[in-house]
Amino acid sequence: METTASNIGGSPEPPVRILVQTLTHLVPGKDSHERTYSMLDRMCQHHWNCDFSVPKFRWASHNCQFAFNNRRCFFLIDYGESQNDDDVPVLSYEWTGEALKPLPQLATDPEIQAKLKEEVPFTWKPSKRERSDVPIPRLVKSRLAYEENLRSSEMDYMREHPEDAQWLKAHVRPRLWRRFVAEMNANRSPDDPVIEE
């Protein structure tokens, strides 16, 4: 169901979905966590004059590769429960870097509708897809793109597998490789060798 803020009036009552499209460089904050929560807080402030909180609200994001400018990314907040996803209104906006601007055509885009329905249903359903384990080097590459901190287990793995570190170096931009090296060296034990750029 497509709905706009103007035909709901005031604070939308649950069930409702809030969908925001923006560009990665317009999202304020210094890292992935801060940027994500700044957008979630803005969305909740816009509608309910409160900060985002779990379990009251549920959230998802897509393509938030903050290490790159001008990437179209999305934030979604779900509020409430419903027996039928088709009955849940979707309020859609664009974040301009300064304000949330209504963007009703976003919710009617067939590609967006399909992605929401298949990958992020309002009513949780067990996944039909088998979960595949992502190889650690690809996971590290993704974390660098999303400006997420590496986990200690991932850093340990990369130290133990220099061939995977070389693969990573060949598959990321030089500034992301430098970030990887800096994070690895900053979190090494005295016994670990220094990683060279």
N, C-alpha and C. Protein backbone atom coordinates (compact mmCIF):
# COMPACT_ATOMS: atom_id res chain seq x y z
N MET A 1 0.85 -1.18 0.00
CA MET A 1 0.00 0.00 0.00
C MET A 1 0.89 1.23 0.00
N GLU A 2 0.60 2.17 -0.88
CA GLU A 2 1.41 3.39 -0.96
C GLU A 2 0.65 4.51 -0.27
N THR A 3 1.33 5.18 0.64
CA THR A 3 0.75 6.28 1.39
C THR A 3 1.78 7.37 1.51
N THR A 4 1.34 8.59 1.59
CA THR A 4 2.27 9.69 1.80
C THR A 4 2.00 10.32 3.15
N ALA A 5 2.96 11.08 3.63
CA ALA A 5 2.81 11.73 4.93
C ALA A 5 1.62 12.67 4.94
N SER A 6 1.34 13.28 3.80
CA SER A 6 0.27 14.27 3.76
C SER A 6 -1.11 13.65 3.95
N ASN A 7 -1.29 12.38 3.56
CA ASN A 7 -2.63 11.81 3.75
C ASN A 7 -2.73 10.95 5.00
N ILE A 8 -1.70 10.96 5.84
CA ILE A 8 -1.81 10.31 7.15
C ILE A 8 -2.10 11.36 8.19
N GLY A 9 -1.42 12.48 8.14
CA GLY A 9 -1.65 13.57 9.08
C GLY A 9 -1.10 13.27 10.46
N GLY A 10 -0.20 14.09 10.94
CA GLY A 10 0.37 13.91 12.27
C GLY A 10 1.29 12.71 12.34
N SER A 11 1.37 12.16 13.56
CA SER A 11 2.23 11.00 13.77
C SER A 11 1.53 9.75 13.28
N PRO A 12 2.13 9.02 12.34
CA PRO A 12 1.45 7.83 11.83
C PRO A 12 1.37 6.74 12.90
N GLU A 13 0.22 6.16 13.00
CA GLU A 13 -0.01 5.07 13.94
C GLU A 13 0.48 3.77 13.33
N PRO A 14 0.92 2.83 14.16
CA PRO A 14 1.33 1.54 13.62
C PRO A 14 0.12 0.76 13.12
N PRO A 15 0.30 -0.11 12.17
CA PRO A 15 1.55 -0.47 11.51
C PRO A 15 1.91 0.53 10.41
N VAL A 16 3.20 0.80 10.27
CA VAL A 16 3.67 1.71 9.24
C VAL A 16 5.14 1.41 8.95
N ARG A 17 5.54 1.69 7.71
CA ARG A 17 6.94 1.59 7.30
C ARG A 17 7.39 2.98 6.87
N ILE A 18 8.60 3.35 7.28
CA ILE A 18 9.20 4.61 6.86
C ILE A 18 10.43 4.24 6.04
N LEU A 19 10.47 4.66 4.78
CA LEU A 19 11.56 4.34 3.87
C LEU A 19 12.23 5.64 3.44
N VAL A 20 13.55 5.70 3.58
CA VAL A 20 14.31 6.90 3.21
C VAL A 20 15.41 6.52 2.23
N GLN A 21 15.47 7.29 1.16
CA GLN A 21 16.55 7.16 0.18
C GLN A 21 17.46 8.37 0.33
N THR A 22 18.76 8.16 0.21
CA THR A 22 19.71 9.26 0.24
C THR A 22 20.98 8.84 -0.47
N LEU A 23 21.99 9.68 -0.38
CA LEU A 23 23.32 9.36 -0.90
C LEU A 23 24.26 9.21 0.29
N THR A 24 25.21 8.31 0.19
CA THR A 24 26.06 7.98 1.33
C THR A 24 26.76 9.20 1.92
N HIS A 25 27.23 10.12 1.09
CA HIS A 25 27.97 11.27 1.62
C HIS A 25 27.08 12.28 2.34
N LEU A 26 25.77 12.16 2.20
CA LEU A 26 24.85 13.08 2.87
C LEU A 26 24.47 12.63 4.28
N VAL A 27 24.84 11.41 4.65
CA VAL A 27 24.48 10.87 5.96
C VAL A 27 25.50 11.35 6.98
N PRO A 28 25.07 12.11 7.99
CA PRO A 28 26.02 12.65 8.97
C PRO A 28 26.56 11.59 9.92
N GLY A 29 27.79 11.79 10.36
CA GLY A 29 28.42 10.90 11.32
C GLY A 29 29.83 10.54 10.89
N LYS A 30 30.55 9.90 11.82
CA LYS A 30 31.95 9.59 11.54
C LYS A 30 32.19 8.13 11.18
N ASP A 31 31.30 7.23 11.55
CA ASP A 31 31.47 5.81 11.20
C ASP A 31 30.11 5.21 10.89
N SER A 32 30.11 3.96 10.49
CA SER A 32 28.88 3.29 10.07
C SER A 32 27.81 3.31 11.15
N HIS A 33 28.20 2.98 12.37
CA HIS A 33 27.24 2.94 13.49
C HIS A 33 26.62 4.31 13.72
N GLU A 34 27.46 5.33 13.84
CA GLU A 34 26.96 6.69 14.10
C GLU A 34 26.09 7.19 12.95
N ARG A 35 26.48 6.92 11.73
CA ARG A 35 25.71 7.37 10.57
C ARG A 35 24.35 6.68 10.51
N THR A 36 24.35 5.37 10.71
CA THR A 36 23.09 4.63 10.66
C THR A 36 22.13 5.13 11.72
N TYR A 37 22.61 5.24 12.96
CA TYR A 37 21.72 5.65 14.05
C TYR A 37 21.32 7.12 13.95
N SER A 38 22.15 7.94 13.32
CA SER A 38 21.73 9.33 13.14
C SER A 38 20.53 9.39 12.19
N MET A 39 20.54 8.56 11.15
CA MET A 39 19.39 8.54 10.24
C MET A 39 18.16 7.94 10.91
N LEU A 40 18.34 6.85 11.64
CA LEU A 40 17.19 6.23 12.31
C LEU A 40 16.58 7.21 13.33
N ASP A 41 17.42 7.92 14.06
CA ASP A 41 16.92 8.92 15.01
C ASP A 41 16.17 10.03 14.29
N ARG A 42 16.71 10.52 13.18
CA ARG A 42 16.04 11.59 12.42
C ARG A 42 14.66 11.14 11.93
N MET A 43 14.58 9.90 11.46
CA MET A 43 13.31 9.37 10.97
C MET A 43 12.29 9.30 12.10
N CYS A 44 12.70 8.82 13.26
CA CYS A 44 11.78 8.73 14.41
C CYS A 44 11.42 10.12 14.92
N GLN A 45 12.38 11.03 14.97
CA GLN A 45 12.10 12.41 15.40
C GLN A 45 11.09 13.06 14.46
N HIS A 46 11.25 12.81 13.17
CA HIS A 46 10.37 13.41 12.16
C HIS A 46 8.90 13.01 12.39
N HIS A 47 8.68 11.75 12.78
CA HIS A 47 7.31 11.26 12.91
C HIS A 47 6.79 11.20 14.33
N TRP A 48 7.65 10.83 15.28
CA TRP A 48 7.15 10.55 16.62
C TRP A 48 7.82 11.37 17.71
N ASN A 49 8.69 12.31 17.34
CA ASN A 49 9.41 13.15 18.31
C ASN A 49 10.13 12.32 19.37
N CYS A 50 10.74 11.23 18.94
CA CYS A 50 11.53 10.39 19.84
C CYS A 50 12.72 9.84 19.08
N ASP A 51 13.71 9.36 19.81
CA ASP A 51 14.84 8.69 19.17
C ASP A 51 14.47 7.25 18.86
N PHE A 52 15.17 6.68 17.92
CA PHE A 52 15.00 5.28 17.56
C PHE A 52 15.31 4.39 18.75
N SER A 53 14.50 3.37 18.99
CA SER A 53 14.78 2.41 20.06
C SER A 53 14.23 1.04 19.68
N VAL A 54 14.96 0.03 20.10
CA VAL A 54 14.56 -1.36 19.92
C VAL A 54 14.02 -1.83 21.26
N PRO A 55 12.96 -2.59 21.33
CA PRO A 55 12.24 -3.30 20.28
C PRO A 55 11.05 -2.55 19.71
N LYS A 56 10.82 -1.32 20.15
CA LYS A 56 9.67 -0.57 19.64
C LYS A 56 9.70 -0.48 18.12
N PHE A 57 10.87 -0.18 17.57
CA PHE A 57 11.04 -0.05 16.13
C PHE A 57 11.98 -1.14 15.62
N ARG A 58 11.77 -1.56 14.38
CA ARG A 58 12.69 -2.48 13.70
C ARG A 58 13.31 -1.70 12.54
N TRP A 59 14.50 -2.08 12.11
CA TRP A 59 15.15 -1.33 11.05
C TRP A 59 15.92 -2.24 10.09
N ALA A 60 16.19 -1.68 8.93
CA ALA A 60 17.05 -2.33 7.93
C ALA A 60 17.70 -1.21 7.13
N SER A 61 18.81 -1.54 6.50
CA SER A 61 19.46 -0.59 5.60
C SER A 61 19.95 -1.36 4.38
N HIS A 62 20.22 -0.62 3.32
CA HIS A 62 20.68 -1.25 2.09
C HIS A 62 21.69 -0.35 1.40
N ASN A 63 22.79 -0.93 0.99
CA ASN A 63 23.83 -0.27 0.19
C ASN A 63 24.49 0.90 0.91
N CYS A 64 24.61 0.83 2.21
CA CYS A 64 25.21 1.92 2.99
C CYS A 64 26.73 1.77 3.02
N GLN A 65 27.33 1.86 1.85
CA GLN A 65 28.78 1.77 1.71
C GLN A 65 29.36 3.16 1.91
N PHE A 66 29.50 3.55 3.17
CA PHE A 66 29.88 4.91 3.51
C PHE A 66 31.31 5.26 3.12
N ALA A 67 32.11 4.29 2.76
CA ALA A 67 33.48 4.58 2.32
C ALA A 67 33.49 5.22 0.94
N PHE A 68 32.34 5.23 0.26
CA PHE A 68 32.24 5.78 -1.08
C PHE A 68 31.19 6.89 -1.11
N ASN A 69 31.48 7.97 -1.79
CA ASN A 69 30.51 9.06 -1.97
C ASN A 69 29.54 8.74 -3.09
N ASN A 70 28.41 9.41 -3.06
CA ASN A 70 27.42 9.36 -4.13
C ASN A 70 26.83 7.98 -4.39
N ARG A 71 26.79 7.12 -3.37
CA ARG A 71 26.12 5.83 -3.50
C ARG A 71 24.70 5.97 -2.97
N ARG A 72 23.74 5.55 -3.77
CA ARG A 72 22.35 5.59 -3.31
C ARG A 72 22.17 4.51 -2.25
N CYS A 73 21.64 4.91 -1.10
CA CYS A 73 21.43 3.97 -0.01
C CYS A 73 20.05 4.20 0.60
N PHE A 74 19.61 3.24 1.40
CA PHE A 74 18.26 3.26 1.94
C PHE A 74 18.25 2.90 3.42
N PHE A 75 17.30 3.49 4.14
CA PHE A 75 17.05 3.17 5.54
C PHE A 75 15.56 2.90 5.68
N LEU A 76 15.24 1.90 6.49
CA LEU A 76 13.85 1.50 6.67
C LEU A 76 13.57 1.32 8.15
N ILE A 77 12.46 1.88 8.60
CA ILE A 77 11.98 1.64 9.97
C ILE A 77 10.57 1.05 9.87
N ASP A 78 10.37 -0.05 10.57
CA ASP A 78 9.05 -0.66 10.70
C ASP A 78 8.56 -0.44 12.12
N TYR A 79 7.27 -0.11 12.22
CA TYR A 79 6.67 0.15 13.53
C TYR A 79 5.32 -0.55 13.58
N GLY A 80 5.16 -1.42 14.56
CA GLY A 80 3.88 -2.11 14.75
C GLY A 80 3.88 -3.52 14.18
N GLU A 81 2.70 -4.12 14.19
CA GLU A 81 2.51 -5.49 13.73
C GLU A 81 1.35 -5.51 12.75
N SER A 82 1.37 -6.49 11.84
CA SER A 82 0.27 -6.65 10.89
C SER A 82 0.20 -8.11 10.45
N GLN A 83 -1.00 -8.56 10.16
CA GLN A 83 -1.19 -9.91 9.63
C GLN A 83 -1.00 -9.94 8.12
N ASN A 84 -1.06 -8.76 7.48
CA ASN A 84 -0.98 -8.70 6.03
C ASN A 84 -0.06 -7.55 5.62
N ASP A 85 1.09 -7.87 5.06
CA ASP A 85 2.05 -6.84 4.66
C ASP A 85 1.46 -5.84 3.66
N ASP A 86 0.52 -6.30 2.83
CA ASP A 86 -0.06 -5.41 1.83
C ASP A 86 -0.90 -4.29 2.44
N ASP A 87 -1.29 -4.44 3.69
CA ASP A 87 -2.09 -3.42 4.36
C ASP A 87 -1.24 -2.37 5.09
N VAL A 88 0.08 -2.53 5.07
CA VAL A 88 0.96 -1.62 5.81
C VAL A 88 1.36 -0.45 4.92
N PRO A 89 1.01 0.79 5.32
CA PRO A 89 1.40 1.94 4.51
C PRO A 89 2.91 2.16 4.55
N VAL A 90 3.46 2.61 3.43
CA VAL A 90 4.88 2.93 3.32
C VAL A 90 5.00 4.43 3.07
N LEU A 91 5.60 5.14 4.02
CA LEU A 91 5.86 6.56 3.86
C LEU A 91 7.29 6.69 3.36
N SER A 92 7.49 7.33 2.23
CA SER A 92 8.84 7.37 1.66
C SER A 92 9.33 8.80 1.50
N TYR A 93 10.63 8.94 1.72
CA TYR A 93 11.28 10.25 1.73
C TYR A 93 12.64 10.18 1.07
N GLU A 94 13.16 11.36 0.80
CA GLU A 94 14.55 11.52 0.40
C GLU A 94 15.22 12.40 1.45
N TRP A 95 16.38 11.97 1.95
CA TRP A 95 17.17 12.80 2.85
C TRP A 95 18.08 13.65 2.00
N THR A 96 17.94 14.97 2.10
CA THR A 96 18.70 15.89 1.26
C THR A 96 20.04 16.29 1.88
N GLY A 97 20.28 15.85 3.09
CA GLY A 97 21.45 16.28 3.84
C GLY A 97 21.06 17.31 4.88
N GLU A 98 19.84 17.85 4.72
CA GLU A 98 19.32 18.84 5.66
C GLU A 98 17.93 18.51 6.17
N ALA A 99 17.14 17.83 5.34
CA ALA A 99 15.76 17.56 5.71
C ALA A 99 15.24 16.31 4.99
N LEU A 100 14.16 15.75 5.56
CA LEU A 100 13.45 14.66 4.90
C LEU A 100 12.38 15.27 4.00
N LYS A 101 12.47 14.98 2.72
CA LYS A 101 11.55 15.52 1.72
C LYS A 101 10.68 14.38 1.21
N PRO A 102 9.33 14.52 1.25
CA PRO A 102 8.47 13.43 0.77
C PRO A 102 8.85 13.00 -0.65
N LEU A 103 8.87 11.69 -0.85
CA LEU A 103 9.21 11.11 -2.15
C LEU A 103 8.28 9.92 -2.40
N PRO A 104 6.98 10.19 -2.62
CA PRO A 104 6.00 9.10 -2.70
C PRO A 104 6.27 8.10 -3.82
N GLN A 105 6.90 8.53 -4.92
CA GLN A 105 7.16 7.62 -6.03
C GLN A 105 8.15 6.51 -5.64
N LEU A 106 8.93 6.72 -4.59
CA LEU A 106 9.88 5.70 -4.16
C LEU A 106 9.15 4.43 -3.75
N ALA A 107 8.07 4.57 -3.01
CA ALA A 107 7.32 3.40 -2.53
C ALA A 107 6.59 2.67 -3.64
N THR A 108 6.38 3.32 -4.78
CA THR A 108 5.67 2.68 -5.88
C THR A 108 6.61 2.07 -6.91
N ASP A 109 7.91 2.29 -6.77
CA ASP A 109 8.90 1.73 -7.69
C ASP A 109 8.84 0.20 -7.60
N PRO A 110 8.59 -0.50 -8.74
CA PRO A 110 8.44 -1.96 -8.71
C PRO A 110 9.66 -2.68 -8.13
N GLU A 111 10.86 -2.19 -8.41
CA GLU A 111 12.07 -2.82 -7.89
C GLU A 111 12.14 -2.68 -6.37
N ILE A 112 11.78 -1.50 -5.86
CA ILE A 112 11.78 -1.27 -4.41
C ILE A 112 10.71 -2.14 -3.76
N GLN A 113 9.51 -2.19 -4.35
CA GLN A 113 8.43 -3.01 -3.79
C GLN A 113 8.85 -4.48 -3.71
N ALA A 114 9.48 -4.98 -4.75
CA ALA A 114 9.91 -6.38 -4.77
C ALA A 114 10.96 -6.64 -3.70
N LYS A 115 11.92 -5.73 -3.57
CA LYS A 115 12.99 -5.91 -2.58
C LYS A 115 12.41 -5.92 -1.16
N LEU A 116 11.49 -4.99 -0.90
CA LEU A 116 10.87 -4.94 0.42
C LEU A 116 10.10 -6.23 0.71
N LYS A 117 9.32 -6.66 -0.26
CA LYS A 117 8.47 -7.83 -0.06
C LYS A 117 9.29 -9.12 0.11
N GLU A 118 10.33 -9.27 -0.71
CA GLU A 118 11.10 -10.51 -0.70
C GLU A 118 12.19 -10.52 0.37
N GLU A 119 12.88 -9.39 0.57
CA GLU A 119 14.05 -9.39 1.44
C GLU A 119 13.81 -8.80 2.82
N VAL A 120 12.84 -7.89 2.94
CA VAL A 120 12.58 -7.26 4.24
C VAL A 120 11.07 -7.19 4.47
N PRO A 121 10.40 -8.34 4.60
CA PRO A 121 8.96 -8.28 4.83
C PRO A 121 8.64 -7.62 6.17
N PHE A 122 7.53 -6.93 6.22
CA PHE A 122 7.11 -6.27 7.47
C PHE A 122 6.86 -7.32 8.55
N THR A 123 6.18 -8.39 8.17
CA THR A 123 5.91 -9.49 9.07
C THR A 123 7.01 -10.52 8.88
N TRP A 124 7.81 -10.75 9.94
CA TRP A 124 8.94 -11.65 9.83
C TRP A 124 8.50 -13.05 9.47
N LYS A 125 9.22 -13.64 8.50
CA LYS A 125 8.99 -15.03 8.11
C LYS A 125 10.35 -15.71 8.03
N PRO A 126 10.42 -16.99 8.38
CA PRO A 126 11.70 -17.68 8.23
C PRO A 126 12.18 -17.62 6.79
N SER A 127 13.48 -17.43 6.62
CA SER A 127 14.06 -17.32 5.29
C SER A 127 13.98 -18.65 4.55
N LYS A 128 13.64 -18.57 3.26
CA LYS A 128 13.60 -19.76 2.42
C LYS A 128 14.98 -20.04 1.83
N ARG A 129 15.82 -19.00 1.83
CA ARG A 129 17.16 -19.15 1.27
C ARG A 129 18.09 -19.79 2.30
N GLU A 130 18.95 -20.65 1.82
CA GLU A 130 19.96 -21.21 2.70
C GLU A 130 21.03 -20.16 2.92
N ARG A 131 21.46 -20.05 4.15
CA ARG A 131 22.48 -19.07 4.49
C ARG A 131 23.84 -19.63 4.11
N SER A 132 24.56 -18.89 3.31
CA SER A 132 25.90 -19.34 2.95
C SER A 132 26.90 -18.51 3.74
N ASP A 133 27.96 -19.17 4.17
CA ASP A 133 29.00 -18.47 4.90
C ASP A 133 29.83 -17.66 3.93
N VAL A 134 30.00 -16.40 4.23
CA VAL A 134 30.80 -15.51 3.39
C VAL A 134 32.26 -15.70 3.77
N PRO A 135 33.15 -15.89 2.79
CA PRO A 135 34.57 -16.02 3.12
C PRO A 135 35.06 -14.76 3.84
N ILE A 136 35.94 -14.96 4.81
CA ILE A 136 36.44 -13.85 5.64
C ILE A 136 37.01 -12.70 4.80
N PRO A 137 37.83 -12.96 3.77
CA PRO A 137 38.36 -11.82 3.00
C PRO A 137 37.25 -10.97 2.37
N ARG A 138 36.19 -11.61 1.88
CA ARG A 138 35.08 -10.85 1.31
C ARG A 138 34.31 -10.09 2.39
N LEU A 139 34.20 -10.69 3.55
CA LEU A 139 33.54 -10.02 4.67
C LEU A 139 34.34 -8.79 5.10
N VAL A 140 35.66 -8.92 5.16
CA VAL A 140 36.52 -7.79 5.51
C VAL A 140 36.40 -6.69 4.46
N LYS A 141 36.39 -7.08 3.19
CA LYS A 141 36.22 -6.11 2.10
C LYS A 141 34.91 -5.35 2.27
N SER A 142 33.85 -6.06 2.60
CA SER A 142 32.54 -5.43 2.82
C SER A 142 32.57 -4.48 4.01
N ARG A 143 33.19 -4.92 5.11
CA ARG A 143 33.27 -4.06 6.29
C ARG A 143 34.02 -2.77 5.99
N LEU A 144 35.07 -2.85 5.19
CA LEU A 144 35.82 -1.64 4.80
C LEU A 144 34.93 -0.70 4.00
N ALA A 145 34.16 -1.25 3.06
CA ALA A 145 33.27 -0.43 2.24
C ALA A 145 32.17 0.22 3.07
N TYR A 146 31.69 -0.48 4.08
CA TYR A 146 30.61 0.03 4.92
C TYR A 146 31.12 0.84 6.11
N GLU A 147 32.44 1.00 6.17
CA GLU A 147 33.10 1.72 7.26
C GLU A 147 32.75 1.12 8.63
N GLU A 148 32.77 -0.21 8.69
CA GLU A 148 32.54 -0.92 9.94
C GLU A 148 33.88 -1.36 10.50
N ASN A 149 33.98 -1.46 11.80
CA ASN A 149 35.20 -1.96 12.42
C ASN A 149 35.31 -3.46 12.19
N LEU A 150 36.54 -3.93 12.04
CA LEU A 150 36.79 -5.35 11.88
C LEU A 150 36.68 -6.03 13.24
N ARG A 151 36.21 -7.25 13.23
CA ARG A 151 36.15 -8.03 14.47
C ARG A 151 37.51 -8.66 14.71
N SER A 152 37.81 -8.91 15.97
CA SER A 152 39.13 -9.47 16.30
C SER A 152 39.34 -10.83 15.63
N SER A 153 38.29 -11.63 15.51
CA SER A 153 38.43 -12.94 14.85
C SER A 153 38.77 -12.77 13.37
N GLU A 154 38.23 -11.73 12.74
CA GLU A 154 38.56 -11.46 11.33
C GLU A 154 40.00 -10.98 11.19
N MET A 155 40.44 -10.14 12.11
CA MET A 155 41.83 -9.68 12.06
C MET A 155 42.79 -10.85 12.30
N ASP A 156 42.45 -11.73 13.25
CA ASP A 156 43.29 -12.90 13.50
C ASP A 156 43.38 -13.77 12.25
N TYR A 157 42.24 -13.98 11.60
CA TYR A 157 42.23 -14.79 10.38
C TYR A 157 43.12 -14.16 9.31
N MET A 158 43.01 -12.87 9.11
CA MET A 158 43.79 -12.20 8.06
C MET A 158 45.28 -12.25 8.37
N ARG A 159 45.64 -12.20 9.65
CA ARG A 159 47.06 -12.32 10.02
C ARG A 159 47.58 -13.72 9.73
N GLU A 160 46.74 -14.72 9.94
CA GLU A 160 47.14 -16.11 9.73
C GLU A 160 47.12 -16.52 8.26
N HIS A 161 46.51 -15.71 7.41
CA HIS A 161 46.38 -16.04 5.99
C HIS A 161 46.86 -14.87 5.13
N PRO A 162 48.18 -14.70 5.02
CA PRO A 162 48.71 -13.57 4.25
C PRO A 162 48.28 -13.58 2.77
N GLU A 163 47.98 -14.75 2.23
CA GLU A 163 47.51 -14.81 0.84
C GLU A 163 46.15 -14.13 0.70
N ASP A 164 45.32 -14.22 1.74
CA ASP A 164 44.02 -13.54 1.71
C ASP A 164 44.19 -12.04 1.90
N ALA A 165 45.20 -11.64 2.66
CA ALA A 165 45.49 -10.22 2.80
C ALA A 165 45.95 -9.65 1.45
N GLN A 166 46.72 -10.43 0.71
CA GLN A 166 47.16 -9.97 -0.62
C GLN A 166 45.97 -9.89 -1.58
N TRP A 167 45.04 -10.85 -1.47
CA TRP A 167 43.82 -10.80 -2.29
C TRP A 167 43.05 -9.51 -1.98
N LEU A 168 42.93 -9.21 -0.69
CA LEU A 168 42.22 -8.01 -0.28
C LEU A 168 42.88 -6.75 -0.85
N LYS A 169 44.20 -6.69 -0.76
CA LYS A 169 44.94 -5.53 -1.27
C LYS A 169 44.66 -5.32 -2.76
N ALA A 170 44.55 -6.42 -3.50
CA ALA A 170 44.30 -6.34 -4.94
C ALA A 170 42.85 -5.98 -5.28
N HIS A 171 41.94 -6.13 -4.30
CA HIS A 171 40.52 -5.94 -4.59
C HIS A 171 39.85 -4.77 -3.88
N VAL A 172 40.63 -3.93 -3.21
CA VAL A 172 40.05 -2.73 -2.60
C VAL A 172 40.83 -1.51 -3.07
N ARG A 173 40.20 -0.37 -2.95
CA ARG A 173 40.87 0.88 -3.30
C ARG A 173 42.02 1.13 -2.34
N PRO A 174 43.07 1.83 -2.80
CA PRO A 174 44.25 2.06 -1.95
C PRO A 174 43.92 2.69 -0.59
N ARG A 175 42.99 3.63 -0.54
CA ARG A 175 42.67 4.25 0.76
C ARG A 175 42.01 3.26 1.71
N LEU A 176 41.26 2.28 1.18
CA LEU A 176 40.66 1.27 2.04
C LEU A 176 41.72 0.27 2.51
N TRP A 177 42.70 -0.01 1.65
CA TRP A 177 43.81 -0.86 2.06
C TRP A 177 44.59 -0.18 3.19
N ARG A 178 44.83 1.12 3.06
CA ARG A 178 45.55 1.86 4.10
C ARG A 178 44.77 1.82 5.42
N ARG A 179 43.45 1.93 5.34
CA ARG A 179 42.63 1.85 6.54
C ARG A 179 42.73 0.46 7.17
N PHE A 180 42.71 -0.57 6.32
CA PHE A 180 42.85 -1.94 6.80
C PHE A 180 44.19 -2.12 7.52
N VAL A 181 45.27 -1.67 6.89
CA VAL A 181 46.61 -1.78 7.48
C VAL A 181 46.67 -1.05 8.81
N ALA A 182 46.13 0.16 8.85
CA ALA A 182 46.15 0.95 10.09
C ALA A 182 45.37 0.25 11.20
N GLU A 183 44.20 -0.30 10.89
CA GLU A 183 43.40 -0.98 11.91
C GLU A 183 44.08 -2.27 12.37
N MET A 184 44.66 -3.00 11.42
CA MET A 184 45.36 -4.24 11.79
C MET A 184 46.55 -3.94 12.70
N ASN A 185 47.34 -2.92 12.34
CA ASN A 185 48.53 -2.59 13.12
C ASN A 185 48.17 -1.99 14.47
N ALA A 186 47.09 -1.25 14.54
CA ALA A 186 46.67 -0.64 15.80
C ALA A 186 46.16 -1.70 16.79
N ASN A 187 45.70 -2.82 16.27
CA ASN A 187 45.12 -3.86 17.12
C ASN A 187 45.96 -5.13 17.17
N ARG A 188 47.25 -5.00 16.93
CA ARG A 188 48.11 -6.20 16.94
C ARG A 188 48.71 -6.40 18.32
N SER A 189 49.01 -7.64 18.61
CA SER A 189 49.72 -7.94 19.86
C SER A 189 51.21 -7.79 19.58
N PRO A 190 52.03 -7.71 20.63
CA PRO A 190 53.48 -7.54 20.43
C PRO A 190 54.10 -8.66 19.57
N ASP A 191 53.50 -9.84 19.56
CA ASP A 191 54.03 -10.96 18.78
C ASP A 191 53.67 -10.90 17.30
N ASP A 192 52.65 -10.12 16.95
CA ASP A 192 52.20 -10.04 15.56
C ASP A 192 53.12 -9.15 14.74
N PRO A 193 53.40 -9.56 13.49
CA PRO A 193 54.22 -8.69 12.65
C PRO A 193 53.44 -7.46 12.19
N VAL A 194 54.16 -6.40 11.91
CA VAL A 194 53.55 -5.18 11.38
C VAL A 194 53.20 -5.45 9.92
N ILE A 195 52.00 -5.05 9.51
CA ILE A 195 51.60 -5.20 8.11
C ILE A 195 52.05 -3.95 7.37
N GLU A 196 52.68 -4.18 6.24
CA GLU A 196 53.19 -3.07 5.42
C GLU A 196 52.15 -2.65 4.40
N GLU A 197 52.14 -1.35 4.10
CA GLU A 197 51.23 -0.85 3.06
C GLU A 197 51.73 -1.33 1.72
